[in-house]
Amino acid sequence: MTKEEQATGMIDKYLDLLRIKKAEDRDKEIDNQLRATKIKLETLGVVTDQLTID
């Protein structure tokens, strides 16, 4: 991964956190971001079934 790709990923993460902070319905925003991120991971071949926190 190049430095530019890493920077882009961090910018995306930062913007996601800002969206959560500003959202009227934070739970809905978090659910939307989780859904989008899961799709991206699965598109890259990452199995997400075991990626949980209890």
C-alpha atoms as a PDB file:
ATOM      1  CA  MET A   1       0.000   0.000   0.000  1.00  0.00           C
ATOM      2  CA  THR A   2       1.388   3.349  -0.988  1.00  0.00           C
ATOM      3  CA  LYS A   3       1.613   6.366   1.272  1.00  0.00           C
ATOM      4  CA  GLU A   4      -1.128   8.032  -0.780  1.00  0.00           C
ATOM      5  CA  GLU A   5      -3.435   5.024  -0.348  1.00  0.00           C
ATOM      6  CA  GLN A   6      -2.810   5.074   3.396  1.00  0.00           C
ATOM      7  CA  ALA A   7      -3.552   8.803   3.528  1.00  0.00           C
ATOM      8  CA  THR A   8      -6.775   8.320   1.565  1.00  0.00           C
ATOM      9  CA  GLY A   9      -7.873   5.586   3.975  1.00  0.00           C
ATOM     10  CA  MET A  10      -7.204   7.780   6.984  1.00  0.00           C
ATOM     11  CA  ILE A  11      -9.056  10.723   5.415  1.00  0.00           C
ATOM     12  CA  ASP A  12     -12.050   8.430   4.816  1.00  0.00           C
ATOM     13  CA  LYS A  13     -11.942   7.238   8.426  1.00  0.00           C
ATOM     14  CA  TYR A  14     -11.710  10.807   9.736  1.00  0.00           C
ATOM     15  CA  LEU A  15     -14.689  11.890   7.611  1.00  0.00           C
ATOM     16  CA  ASP A  16     -16.688   8.878   8.811  1.00  0.00           C
ATOM     17  CA  LEU A  17     -16.045   9.879  12.418  1.00  0.00           C
ATOM     18  CA  LEU A  18     -17.116  13.456  11.668  1.00  0.00           C
ATOM     19  CA  ARG A  19     -20.329  12.122  10.089  1.00  0.00           C
ATOM     20  CA  ILE A  20     -21.077  10.119  13.237  1.00  0.00           C
ATOM     21  CA  LYS A  21     -20.370  13.112  15.455  1.00  0.00           C
ATOM     22  CA  LYS A  22     -22.695  15.392  13.434  1.00  0.00           C
ATOM     23  CA  ALA A  23     -25.458  12.855  12.730  1.00  0.00           C
ATOM     24  CA  GLU A  24     -28.885  13.477  14.196  1.00  0.00           C
ATOM     25  CA  ASP A  25     -29.312   9.699  14.545  1.00  0.00           C
ATOM     26  CA  ARG A  26     -25.876   8.351  15.453  1.00  0.00           C
ATOM     27  CA  ASP A  27     -26.982   4.716  15.635  1.00  0.00           C
ATOM     28  CA  LYS A  28     -28.403   4.909  12.111  1.00  0.00           C
ATOM     29  CA  GLU A  29     -25.215   6.536  10.807  1.00  0.00           C
ATOM     30  CA  ILE A  30     -23.050   3.883  12.479  1.00  0.00           C
ATOM     31  CA  ASP A  31     -25.228   1.109  11.004  1.00  0.00           C
ATOM     32  CA  ASN A  32     -24.930   2.669   7.536  1.00  0.00           C
ATOM     33  CA  GLN A  33     -21.156   2.917   7.815  1.00  0.00           C
ATOM     34  CA  LEU A  34     -20.855  -0.640   9.124  1.00  0.00           C
ATOM     35  CA  ARG A  35     -22.933  -1.920   6.218  1.00  0.00           C
ATOM     36  CA  ALA A  36     -20.831  -0.046   3.639  1.00  0.00           C
ATOM     37  CA  THR A  37     -17.549  -1.145   5.217  1.00  0.00           C
ATOM     38  CA  LYS A  38     -18.683  -4.783   5.363  1.00  0.00           C
ATOM     39  CA  ILE A  39     -19.491  -4.690   1.649  1.00  0.00           C
ATOM     40  CA  LYS A  40     -16.062  -3.234   0.862  1.00  0.00           C
ATOM     41  CA  LEU A  41     -14.310  -5.900   2.960  1.00  0.00           C
ATOM     42  CA  GLU A  42     -16.297  -8.731   1.388  1.00  0.00           C
ATOM     43  CA  THR A  43     -15.549  -7.343  -2.084  1.00  0.00           C
ATOM     44  CA  LEU A  44     -11.862  -7.663  -1.193  1.00  0.00           C
ATOM     45  CA  GLY A  45     -12.412 -11.271  -0.080  1.00  0.00           C
ATOM     46  CA  VAL A  46     -12.314 -10.641   3.675  1.00  0.00           C
ATOM     47  CA  VAL A  47     -14.705 -12.864   5.620  1.00  0.00           C
ATOM     48  CA  THR A  48     -16.460 -10.654   8.162  1.00  0.00           C
ATOM     49  CA  ASP A  49     -18.424 -13.255  10.120  1.00  0.00           C
ATOM     50  CA  GLN A  50     -15.802 -13.490  12.868  1.00  0.00           C
ATOM     51  CA  LEU A  51     -15.125  -9.729  13.073  1.00  0.00           C
ATOM     52  CA  THR A  52     -17.165  -9.055  16.181  1.00  0.00           C
ATOM     53  CA  ILE A  53     -16.665  -7.429  19.563  1.00  0.00           C
ATOM     54  CA  ASP A  54     -18.570  -8.642  22.589  1.00  0.00           C
END
